[in-house]
């Protein structure tokens, strides 16, 4: 009788360990799939980021700014003779003082 109960305990322990192993391996596999999914999403977002950086660079281009100013804001260039600049003052040269 003791022999049968010890065999049943051994079978139950083996079955428990088997279920634990299956549980852990399926959890590891699911985590691996999640990591792959997140890496793919990260690659996609990096591509979007690069596209946005390109668009920002294009939007900062003087030609694009001028085109938008003319088409959307209906601005026109001023003739060169209508723009005058104030004369620049030359800074006075000072001698270094000896203390």
PDB file of N, CA and C in Angstrom:
ATOM      1  N   UNK A   1       0.813  -1.187   0.000  1.00  0.00           N
ATOM      2  CA  UNK A   1       0.000   0.000   0.000  1.00  0.00           C
ATOM      3  C   UNK A   1       0.859   1.253   0.000  1.00  0.00           C
ATOM      4  N   UNK A   2       1.943   1.238   0.764  1.00  0.00           N
ATOM      5  CA  UNK A   2       2.838   2.385   0.826  1.00  0.00           C
ATOM      6  C   UNK A   2       3.506   2.607  -0.520  1.00  0.00           C
ATOM      7  N   UNK A   3       3.784   1.519  -1.228  1.00  0.00           N
ATOM      8  CA  UNK A   3       4.428   1.601  -2.536  1.00  0.00           C
ATOM      9  C   UNK A   3       3.524   2.290  -3.546  1.00  0.00           C
ATOM     10  N   UNK A   4       2.239   1.976  -3.505  1.00  0.00           N
ATOM     11  CA  UNK A   4       1.285   2.567  -4.448  1.00  0.00           C
ATOM     12  C   UNK A   4       1.119   4.056  -4.158  1.00  0.00           C
ATOM     13  N   UNK A   5       1.038   4.424  -2.897  1.00  0.00           N
ATOM     14  CA  UNK A   5       0.867   5.838  -2.566  1.00  0.00           C
ATOM     15  C   UNK A   5       2.109   6.639  -2.932  1.00  0.00           C
ATOM     16  N   UNK A   6       3.284   6.066  -2.791  1.00  0.00           N
ATOM     17  CA  UNK A   6       4.499   6.796  -3.168  1.00  0.00           C
ATOM     18  C   UNK A   6       4.588   6.944  -4.685  1.00  0.00           C
ATOM     19  N   UNK A   7       4.109   5.958  -5.426  1.00  0.00           N
ATOM     20  CA  UNK A   7       4.072   6.062  -6.893  1.00  0.00           C
ATOM     21  C   UNK A   7       3.073   7.137  -7.300  1.00  0.00           C
ATOM     22  N   UNK A   8       1.918   7.159  -6.636  1.00  0.00           N
ATOM     23  CA  UNK A   8       0.923   8.189  -6.948  1.00  0.00           C
ATOM     24  C   UNK A   8       1.455   9.587  -6.631  1.00  0.00           C
ATOM     25  N   UNK A   9       2.188   9.739  -5.547  1.00  0.00           N
ATOM     26  CA  UNK A   9       2.792  11.027  -5.196  1.00  0.00           C
ATOM     27  C   UNK A   9       3.816  11.428  -6.249  1.00  0.00           C
ATOM     28  N   UNK A  10       4.608  10.457  -6.702  1.00  0.00           N
ATOM     29  CA  UNK A  10       5.621  10.731  -7.720  1.00  0.00           C
ATOM     30  C   UNK A  10       4.960  11.141  -9.032  1.00  0.00           C
ATOM     31  N   UNK A  11       3.885  10.462  -9.411  1.00  0.00           N
ATOM     32  CA  UNK A  11       3.158  10.800 -10.643  1.00  0.00           C
ATOM     33  C   UNK A  11       2.537  12.190 -10.531  1.00  0.00           C
ATOM     34  N   UNK A  12       1.947  12.486  -9.388  1.00  0.00           N
ATOM     35  CA  UNK A  12       1.348  13.802  -9.170  1.00  0.00           C
ATOM     36  C   UNK A  12       2.417  14.894  -9.217  1.00  0.00           C
ATOM     37  N   UNK A  13       3.565  14.652  -8.616  1.00  0.00           N
ATOM     38  CA  UNK A  13       4.654  15.633  -8.630  1.00  0.00           C
ATOM     39  C   UNK A  13       5.165  15.834 -10.052  1.00  0.00           C
ATOM     40  N   UNK A  14       5.305  14.727 -10.804  1.00  0.00           N
ATOM     41  CA  UNK A  14       5.774  14.837 -12.187  1.00  0.00           C
ATOM     42  C   UNK A  14       4.767  15.605 -13.039  1.00  0.00           C
ATOM     43  N   UNK A  15       3.483  15.326 -12.827  1.00  0.00           N
ATOM     44  CA  UNK A  15       2.449  16.041 -13.573  1.00  0.00           C
ATOM     45  C   UNK A  15       2.457  17.523 -13.206  1.00  0.00           C
ATOM     46  N   UNK A  16       2.618  17.847 -11.955  1.00  0.00           N
ATOM     47  CA  UNK A  16       2.699  19.245 -11.522  1.00  0.00           C
ATOM     48  C   UNK A  16       3.888  19.961 -12.136  1.00  0.00           C
ATOM     49  N   UNK A  17       5.044  19.285 -12.130  1.00  0.00           N
ATOM     50  CA  UNK A  17       6.233  19.879 -12.749  1.00  0.00           C
ATOM     51  C   UNK A  17       6.041  20.058 -14.255  1.00  0.00           C
ATOM     52  N   UNK A  18       5.395  19.087 -14.900  1.00  0.00           N
ATOM     53  CA  UNK A  18       5.121  19.190 -16.344  1.00  0.00           C
ATOM     54  C   UNK A  18       4.218  20.377 -16.653  1.00  0.00           C
ATOM     55  N   UNK A  19       3.168  20.546 -15.839  1.00  0.00           N
ATOM     56  CA  UNK A  19       2.266  21.685 -16.044  1.00  0.00           C
ATOM     57  C   UNK A  19       2.983  23.012 -15.781  1.00  0.00           C
ATOM     58  N   UNK A  20       3.827  23.023 -14.758  1.00  0.00           N
ATOM     59  CA  UNK A  20       4.598  24.230 -14.465  1.00  0.00           C
ATOM     60  C   UNK A  20       5.520  24.571 -15.636  1.00  0.00           C
ATOM     61  N   UNK A  21       6.189  23.547 -16.195  1.00  0.00           N
ATOM     62  CA  UNK A  21       7.083  23.762 -17.331  1.00  0.00           C
ATOM     63  C   UNK A  21       6.313  24.303 -18.534  1.00  0.00           C
ATOM     64  N   UNK A  22       5.163  23.691 -18.829  1.00  0.00           N
ATOM     65  CA  UNK A  22       4.355  24.161 -19.962  1.00  0.00           C
ATOM     66  C   UNK A  22       3.876  25.590 -19.753  1.00  0.00           C
ATOM     67  N   UNK A  23       3.489  25.894 -18.535  1.00  0.00           N
ATOM     68  CA  UNK A  23       3.042  27.251 -18.225  1.00  0.00           C
ATOM     69  C   UNK A  23       4.166  28.259 -18.449  1.00  0.00           C
ATOM     70  N   UNK A  24       5.346  27.935 -17.950  1.00  0.00           N
ATOM     71  CA  UNK A  24       6.484  28.847 -18.090  1.00  0.00           C
ATOM     72  C   UNK A  24       6.918  28.984 -19.548  1.00  0.00           C
ATOM     73  N   UNK A  25       6.962  27.876 -20.281  1.00  0.00           N
ATOM     74  CA  UNK A  25       7.403  27.952 -21.678  1.00  0.00           C
ATOM     75  C   UNK A  25       6.390  28.723 -22.532  1.00  0.00           C
ATOM     76  N   UNK A  26       5.101  28.568 -22.258  1.00  0.00           N
ATOM     77  CA  UNK A  26       4.112  29.344 -23.023  1.00  0.00           C
ATOM     78  C   UNK A  26       4.196  30.828 -22.652  1.00  0.00           C
ATOM     79  N   UNK A  27       4.502  31.125 -21.392  1.00  0.00           N
ATOM     80  CA  UNK A  27       4.678  32.517 -20.979  1.00  0.00           C
ATOM     81  C   UNK A  27       5.896  33.127 -21.669  1.00  0.00           C
ATOM     82  N   UNK A  28       6.983  32.384 -21.759  1.00  0.00           N
ATOM     83  CA  UNK A  28       8.195  32.859 -22.436  1.00  0.00           C
ATOM     84  C   UNK A  28       7.909  33.093 -23.919  1.00  0.00           C
ATOM     85  N   UNK A  29       7.179  32.179 -24.542  1.00  0.00           N
ATOM     86  CA  UNK A  29       6.843  32.335 -25.959  1.00  0.00           C
ATOM     87  C   UNK A  29       5.972  33.565 -26.172  1.00  0.00           C
ATOM     88  N   UNK A  30       4.989  33.780 -25.309  1.00  0.00           N
ATOM     89  CA  UNK A  30       4.120  34.953 -25.431  1.00  0.00           C
ATOM     90  C   UNK A  30       4.914  36.241 -25.237  1.00  0.00           C
ATOM     91  N   UNK A  31       5.843  36.216 -24.301  1.00  0.00           N
ATOM     92  CA  UNK A  31       6.691  37.392 -24.081  1.00  0.00           C
ATOM     93  C   UNK A  31       7.570  37.643 -25.307  1.00  0.00           C
ATOM     94  N   UNK A  32       8.074  36.602 -25.917  1.00  0.00           N
ATOM     95  CA  UNK A  32       8.878  36.735 -27.138  1.00  0.00           C
ATOM     96  C   UNK A  32       8.072  37.356 -28.267  1.00  0.00           C
ATOM     97  N   UNK A  33       6.824  36.921 -28.440  1.00  0.00           N
ATOM     98  CA  UNK A  33       5.957  37.510 -29.463  1.00  0.00           C
ATOM     99  C   UNK A  33       5.691  38.985 -29.165  1.00  0.00           C
ATOM    100  N   UNK A  34       5.505  39.312 -27.913  1.00  0.00           N
ATOM    101  CA  UNK A  34       5.263  40.699 -27.523  1.00  0.00           C
ATOM    102  C   UNK A  34       6.498  41.559 -27.816  1.00  0.00           C
ATOM    103  N   UNK A  35       7.680  41.021 -27.540  1.00  0.00           N
ATOM    104  CA  UNK A  35       8.917  41.748 -27.830  1.00  0.00           C
ATOM    105  C   UNK A  35       9.059  41.975 -29.329  1.00  0.00           C
ATOM    106  N   UNK A  36       8.781  40.946 -30.127  1.00  0.00           N
ATOM    107  CA  UNK A  36       8.855  41.100 -31.588  1.00  0.00           C
ATOM    108  C   UNK A  36       7.883  42.170 -32.076  1.00  0.00           C
ATOM    109  N   UNK A  37       6.683  42.152 -31.513  1.00  0.00           N
ATOM    110  CA  UNK A  37       5.663  43.139 -31.892  1.00  0.00           C
ATOM    111  C   UNK A  37       6.109  44.553 -31.520  1.00  0.00           C
ATOM    112  N   UNK A  38       6.689  44.712 -30.337  1.00  0.00           N
ATOM    113  CA  UNK A  38       7.156  46.023 -29.898  1.00  0.00           C
ATOM    114  C   UNK A  38       8.347  46.498 -30.729  1.00  0.00           C
ATOM    115  N   UNK A  39       9.222  45.578 -31.125  1.00  0.00           N
ATOM    116  CA  UNK A  39      10.352  45.959 -31.968  1.00  0.00           C
ATOM    117  C   UNK A  39       9.870  46.411 -33.343  1.00  0.00           C
ATOM    118  N   UNK A  40       8.868  45.740 -33.874  1.00  0.00           N
ATOM    119  CA  UNK A  40       8.309  46.152 -35.161  1.00  0.00           C
ATOM    120  C   UNK A  40       7.658  47.522 -35.049  1.00  0.00           C
ATOM    121  N   UNK A  41       6.958  47.759 -33.963  1.00  0.00           N
ATOM    122  CA  UNK A  41       6.317  49.069 -33.734  1.00  0.00           C
ATOM    123  C   UNK A  41       7.374  50.158 -33.582  1.00  0.00           C
ATOM    124  N   UNK A  42       8.470  49.844 -32.886  1.00  0.00           N
ATOM    125  CA  UNK A  42       9.565  50.797 -32.717  1.00  0.00           C
ATOM    126  C   UNK A  42      10.189  51.149 -34.065  1.00  0.00           C
ATOM    127  N   UNK A  43      10.403  50.153 -34.912  1.00  0.00           N
ATOM    128  CA  UNK A  43      10.961  50.403 -36.243  1.00  0.00           C
ATOM    129  C   UNK A  43      10.012  51.279 -37.063  1.00  0.00           C
ATOM    130  N   UNK A  44       8.719  51.009 -36.950  1.00  0.00           N
ATOM    131  CA  UNK A  44       7.721  51.810 -37.666  1.00  0.00           C
ATOM    132  C   UNK A  44       7.743  53.262 -37.179  1.00  0.00           C
ATOM    133  N   UNK A  45       7.808  53.447 -35.871  1.00  0.00           N
ATOM    134  CA  UNK A  45       7.816  54.800 -35.315  1.00  0.00           C
ATOM    135  C   UNK A  45       9.110  55.537 -35.651  1.00  0.00           C
ATOM    136  N   UNK A  46      10.223  54.822 -35.732  1.00  0.00           N
ATOM    137  CA  UNK A  46      11.470  55.469 -36.151  1.00  0.00           C
ATOM    138  C   UNK A  46      11.375  55.934 -37.592  1.00  0.00           C
ATOM    139  N   UNK A  47      10.718  55.152 -38.434  1.00  0.00           N
ATOM    140  CA  UNK A  47      10.491  55.572 -39.824  1.00  0.00           C
ATOM    141  C   UNK A  47       9.628  56.823 -39.887  1.00  0.00           C
ATOM    142  N   UNK A  48       8.582  56.853 -39.073  1.00  0.00           N
ATOM    143  CA  UNK A  48       7.711  58.040 -39.019  1.00  0.00           C
ATOM    144  C   UNK A  48       8.505  59.241 -38.523  1.00  0.00           C
ATOM    145  N   UNK A  49       9.353  59.026 -37.525  1.00  0.00           N
ATOM    146  CA  UNK A  49      10.168  60.116 -36.996  1.00  0.00           C
ATOM    147  C   UNK A  49      11.100  60.669 -38.076  1.00  0.00           C
ATOM    148  N   UNK A  50      11.732  59.788 -38.843  1.00  0.00           N
ATOM    149  CA  UNK A  50      12.611  60.244 -39.914  1.00  0.00           C
ATOM    150  C   UNK A  50      11.838  61.022 -40.969  1.00  0.00           C
ATOM    151  N   UNK A  51      10.627  60.569 -41.267  1.00  0.00           N
ATOM    152  CA  UNK A  51       9.794  61.283 -42.241  1.00  0.00           C
ATOM    153  C   UNK A  51       9.450  62.673 -41.721  1.00  0.00           C
ATOM    154  N   UNK A  52       9.130  62.778 -40.428  1.00  0.00           N
ATOM    155  CA  UNK A  52       8.802  64.078 -39.843  1.00  0.00           C
ATOM    156  C   UNK A  52      10.017  65.005 -39.819  1.00  0.00           C
ATOM    157  N   UNK A  53      11.188  64.459 -39.539  1.00  0.00           N
ATOM    158  CA  UNK A  53      12.407  65.278 -39.567  1.00  0.00           C
ATOM    159  C   UNK A  53      12.645  65.805 -40.976  1.00  0.00           C
ATOM    160  N   UNK A  54      12.412  64.966 -41.976  1.00  0.00           N
ATOM    161  CA  UNK A  54      12.546  65.404 -43.362  1.00  0.00           C
ATOM    162  C   UNK A  54      11.553  66.512 -43.679  1.00  0.00           C
ATOM    163  N   UNK A  55      10.311  66.345 -43.256  1.00  0.00           N
ATOM    164  CA  UNK A  55       9.296  67.364 -43.513  1.00  0.00           C
ATOM    165  C   UNK A  55       9.622  68.680 -42.805  1.00  0.00           C
ATOM    166  N   UNK A  56      10.170  68.596 -41.598  1.00  0.00           N
ATOM    167  CA  UNK A  56      10.581  69.805 -40.878  1.00  0.00           C
ATOM    168  C   UNK A  56      11.695  70.511 -41.647  1.00  0.00           C
ATOM    169  N   UNK A  57      12.663  69.747 -42.124  1.00  0.00           N
ATOM    170  CA  UNK A  57      13.753  70.337 -42.903  1.00  0.00           C
ATOM    171  C   UNK A  57      13.247  71.014 -44.158  1.00  0.00           C
ATOM    172  N   UNK A  58      12.300  70.368 -44.834  1.00  0.00           N
ATOM    173  CA  UNK A  58      11.723  70.976 -46.035  1.00  0.00           C
ATOM    174  C   UNK A  58      10.931  72.225 -45.691  1.00  0.00           C
ATOM    175  N   UNK A  59      10.196  72.196 -44.589  1.00  0.00           N
ATOM    176  CA  UNK A  59       9.378  73.346 -44.204  1.00  0.00           C
ATOM    177  C   UNK A  59      10.239  74.545 -43.820  1.00  0.00           C
ATOM    178  N   UNK A  60      11.461  74.305 -43.346  1.00  0.00           N
ATOM    179  CA  UNK A  60      12.362  75.391 -42.967  1.00  0.00           C
ATOM    180  C   UNK A  60      13.115  75.961 -44.164  1.00  0.00           C
ATOM    181  N   UNK A  61      12.979  75.332 -45.299  1.00  0.00           N
ATOM    182  CA  UNK A  61      13.675  75.792 -46.494  1.00  0.00           C
ATOM    183  C   UNK A  61      13.187  77.192 -46.876  1.00  0.00           C
ATOM    184  N   UNK A  62      14.103  78.120 -47.160  1.00  0.00           N
ATOM    185  CA  UNK A  62      13.680  79.472 -47.549  1.00  0.00           C
ATOM    186  C   UNK A  62      12.762  79.478 -48.769  1.00  0.00           C
ATOM    187  N   UNK A  63      12.996  78.591 -49.727  1.00  0.00           N
ATOM    188  CA  UNK A  63      12.141  78.544 -50.911  1.00  0.00           C
ATOM    189  C   UNK A  63      10.710  78.155 -50.535  1.00  0.00           C
ATOM    190  N   UNK A  64      10.564  77.194 -49.637  1.00  0.00           N
ATOM    191  CA  UNK A  64       9.227  76.761 -49.211  1.00  0.00           C
ATOM    192  C   UNK A  64       8.546  77.868 -48.411  1.00  0.00           C
ATOM    193  N   UNK A  65       9.301  78.525 -47.537  1.00  0.00           N
ATOM    194  CA  UNK A  65       8.730  79.615 -46.741  1.00  0.00           C
ATOM    195  C   UNK A  65       8.259  80.735 -47.657  1.00  0.00           C
ATOM    196  N   UNK A  66       9.072  81.083 -48.643  1.00  0.00           N
ATOM    197  CA  UNK A  66       8.689  82.148 -49.581  1.00  0.00           C
ATOM    198  C   UNK A  66       7.456  81.745 -50.384  1.00  0.00           C
ATOM    199  N   UNK A  67       7.404  80.489 -50.823  1.00  0.00           N
ATOM    200  CA  UNK A  67       6.258  80.006 -51.593  1.00  0.00           C
ATOM    201  C   UNK A  67       4.982  80.064 -50.764  1.00  0.00           C
ATOM    202  N   UNK A  68       5.057  79.645 -49.505  1.00  0.00           N
ATOM    203  CA  UNK A  68       3.869  79.699 -48.636  1.00  0.00           C
ATOM    204  C   UNK A  68       3.445  81.137 -48.366  1.00  0.00           C
ATOM    205  N   UNK A  69       4.446  82.009 -48.179  1.00  0.00           N
ATOM    206  CA  UNK A  69       4.123  83.416 -47.922  1.00  0.00           C
ATOM    207  C   UNK A  69       3.398  84.018 -49.116  1.00  0.00           C
ATOM    208  N   UNK A  70       3.826  83.674 -50.311  1.00  0.00           N
ATOM    209  CA  UNK A  70       3.168  84.227 -51.509  1.00  0.00           C
ATOM    210  C   UNK A  70       1.784  83.623 -51.733  1.00  0.00           C
ATOM    211  N   UNK A  71       1.682  82.297 -51.605  1.00  0.00           N
ATOM    212  CA  UNK A  71       0.416  81.633 -51.954  1.00  0.00           C
ATOM    213  C   UNK A  71      -0.628  81.707 -50.840  1.00  0.00           C
ATOM    214  N   UNK A  72      -0.230  81.459 -49.620  1.00  0.00           N
ATOM    215  CA  UNK A  72      -1.216  81.396 -48.539  1.00  0.00           C
ATOM    216  C   UNK A  72      -1.472  82.758 -47.903  1.00  0.00           C
ATOM    217  N   UNK A  73      -0.423  83.540 -47.755  1.00  0.00           N
ATOM    218  CA  UNK A  73      -0.573  84.837 -47.082  1.00  0.00           C
ATOM    219  C   UNK A  73      -0.673  85.987 -48.063  1.00  0.00           C
ATOM    220  N   UNK A  74      -0.496  85.710 -49.365  1.00  0.00           N
ATOM    221  CA  UNK A  74      -0.580  86.711 -50.423  1.00  0.00           C
ATOM    222  C   UNK A  74       0.402  87.865 -50.194  1.00  0.00           C
ATOM    223  N   UNK A  75       1.587  87.531 -49.736  1.00  0.00           N
ATOM    224  CA  UNK A  75       2.632  88.537 -49.539  1.00  0.00           C
ATOM    225  C   UNK A  75       3.420  88.689 -50.831  1.00  0.00           C
ATOM    226  N   UNK A  76       3.974  89.862 -51.039  1.00  0.00           N
ATOM    227  CA  UNK A  76       4.791  90.120 -52.218  1.00  0.00           C
ATOM    228  C   UNK A  76       6.143  90.652 -51.766  1.00  0.00           C
ATOM    229  N   UNK A  77       7.127  90.486 -52.621  1.00  0.00           N
ATOM    230  CA  UNK A  77       8.451  91.004 -52.325  1.00  0.00           C
ATOM    231  C   UNK A  77       8.457  92.516 -52.486  1.00  0.00           C
ATOM    232  N   UNK A  78       9.157  93.184 -51.601  1.00  0.00           N
ATOM    233  CA  UNK A  78       9.326  94.622 -51.717  1.00  0.00           C
ATOM    234  C   UNK A  78      10.432  94.913 -52.724  1.00  0.00           C
ATOM    235  N   UNK A  79      10.298  96.002 -53.463  1.00  0.00           N
ATOM    236  CA  UNK A  79      11.398  96.366 -54.353  1.00  0.00           C
ATOM    237  C   UNK A  79      12.634  96.721 -53.522  1.00  0.00           C
ATOM    238  N   UNK A  80      13.797  96.496 -54.086  1.00  0.00           N
ATOM    239  CA  UNK A  80      15.038  96.740 -53.361  1.00  0.00           C
ATOM    240  C   UNK A  80      15.168  98.186 -52.901  1.00  0.00           C
ATOM    241  N   UNK A  81      14.666  99.130 -53.704  1.00  0.00           N
ATOM    242  CA  UNK A  81      14.817 100.539 -53.334  1.00  0.00           C
ATOM    243  C   UNK A  81      13.916 100.953 -52.169  1.00  0.00           C
ATOM    244  N   UNK A  82      12.946 100.151 -51.815  1.00  0.00           N
ATOM    245  CA  UNK A  82      12.073 100.519 -50.695  1.00  0.00           C
ATOM    246  C   UNK A  82      12.636 100.069 -49.351  1.00  0.00           C
ATOM    247  N   UNK A  83      13.734  99.346 -49.367  1.00  0.00           N
ATOM    248  CA  UNK A  83      14.342  98.868 -48.134  1.00  0.00           C
ATOM    249  C   UNK A  83      15.612  99.673 -47.881  1.00  0.00           C
ATOM    250  N   UNK A  84      15.681 100.311 -46.722  1.00  0.00           N
ATOM    251  CA  UNK A  84      16.902 101.037 -46.346  1.00  0.00           C
ATOM    252  C   UNK A  84      17.365 100.523 -45.000  1.00  0.00           C
ATOM    253  N   UNK A  85      18.634 100.580 -44.820  1.00  0.00           N
ATOM    254  CA  UNK A  85      19.220 100.117 -43.581  1.00  0.00           C
ATOM    255  C   UNK A  85      19.828 101.293 -42.842  1.00  0.00           C
ATOM    256  N   UNK A  86      19.746 101.267 -41.543  1.00  0.00           N
ATOM    257  CA  UNK A  86      20.355 102.307 -40.724  1.00  0.00           C
ATOM    258  C   UNK A  86      21.868 102.145 -40.791  1.00  0.00           C
ATOM    259  N   UNK A  87      22.573 103.283 -40.792  1.00  0.00           N
ATOM    260  CA  UNK A  87      24.041 103.163 -40.822  1.00  0.00           C
ATOM    261  C   UNK A  87      24.536 102.537 -39.530  1.00  0.00           C
ATOM    262  N   UNK A  88      25.580 101.773 -39.669  1.00  0.00           N
ATOM    263  CA  UNK A  88      26.142 101.129 -38.484  1.00  0.00           C
ATOM    264  C   UNK A  88      27.162 102.058 -37.852  1.00  0.00           C
ATOM    265  N   UNK A  89      27.117 102.144 -36.559  1.00  0.00           N
ATOM    266  CA  UNK A  89      28.065 102.971 -35.830  1.00  0.00           C
ATOM    267  C   UNK A  89      29.319 102.160 -35.591  1.00  0.00           C
ATOM    268  N   UNK A  90      30.459 102.781 -35.788  1.00  0.00           N
ATOM    269  CA  UNK A  90      31.702 102.076 -35.520  1.00  0.00           C
ATOM    270  C   UNK A  90      32.028 102.232 -34.053  1.00  0.00           C
ATOM    271  N   UNK A  91      32.330 101.171 -33.374  1.00  0.00           N
ATOM    272  CA  UNK A  91      32.622 101.282 -31.946  1.00  0.00           C
ATOM    273  C   UNK A  91      33.936 102.029 -31.745  1.00  0.00           C
ATOM    274  N   UNK A  92      33.950 102.862 -30.739  1.00  0.00           N
ATOM    275  CA  UNK A  92      35.160 103.634 -30.410  1.00  0.00           C
ATOM    276  C   UNK A  92      36.220 102.686 -29.891  1.00  0.00           C
ATOM    277  N   UNK A  93      37.407 102.868 -30.399  1.00  0.00           N
ATOM    278  CA  UNK A  93      38.514 102.047 -29.934  1.00  0.00           C
ATOM    279  C   UNK A  93      39.033 102.604 -28.631  1.00  0.00           C
ATOM    280  N   UNK A  94      39.148 101.797 -27.668  1.00  0.00           N
ATOM    281  CA  UNK A  94      39.653 102.258 -26.368  1.00  0.00           C
ATOM    282  C   UNK A  94      40.988 101.634 -26.096  1.00  0.00           C
ATOM    283  N   UNK A  95      41.812 102.393 -25.466  1.00  0.00           N
ATOM    284  CA  UNK A  95      43.127 101.897 -25.075  1.00  0.00           C
ATOM    285  C   UNK A  95      42.977 101.076 -23.797  1.00  0.00           C
ATOM    286  N   UNK A  96      43.675  99.973 -23.694  1.00  0.00           N
ATOM    287  CA  UNK A  96      43.616  99.214 -22.436  1.00  0.00           C
ATOM    288  C   UNK A  96      44.248 100.018 -21.317  1.00  0.00           C
ATOM    289  N   UNK A  97      43.637  99.969 -20.183  1.00  0.00           N
ATOM    290  CA  UNK A  97      44.163 100.720 -19.040  1.00  0.00           C
ATOM    291  C   UNK A  97      45.052  99.833 -18.199  1.00  0.00           C
ATOM    292  N   UNK A  98      46.094 100.421 -17.690  1.00  0.00           N
ATOM    293  CA  UNK A  98      47.013  99.694 -16.802  1.00  0.00           C
ATOM    294  C   UNK A  98      46.683 100.040 -15.379  1.00  0.00           C
ATOM    295  N   UNK A  99      46.361  99.095 -14.586  1.00  0.00           N
ATOM    296  CA  UNK A  99      46.028  99.329 -13.171  1.00  0.00           C
ATOM    297  C   UNK A  99      47.184  99.048 -12.291  1.00  0.00           C
TER     298      UNK A  99
END
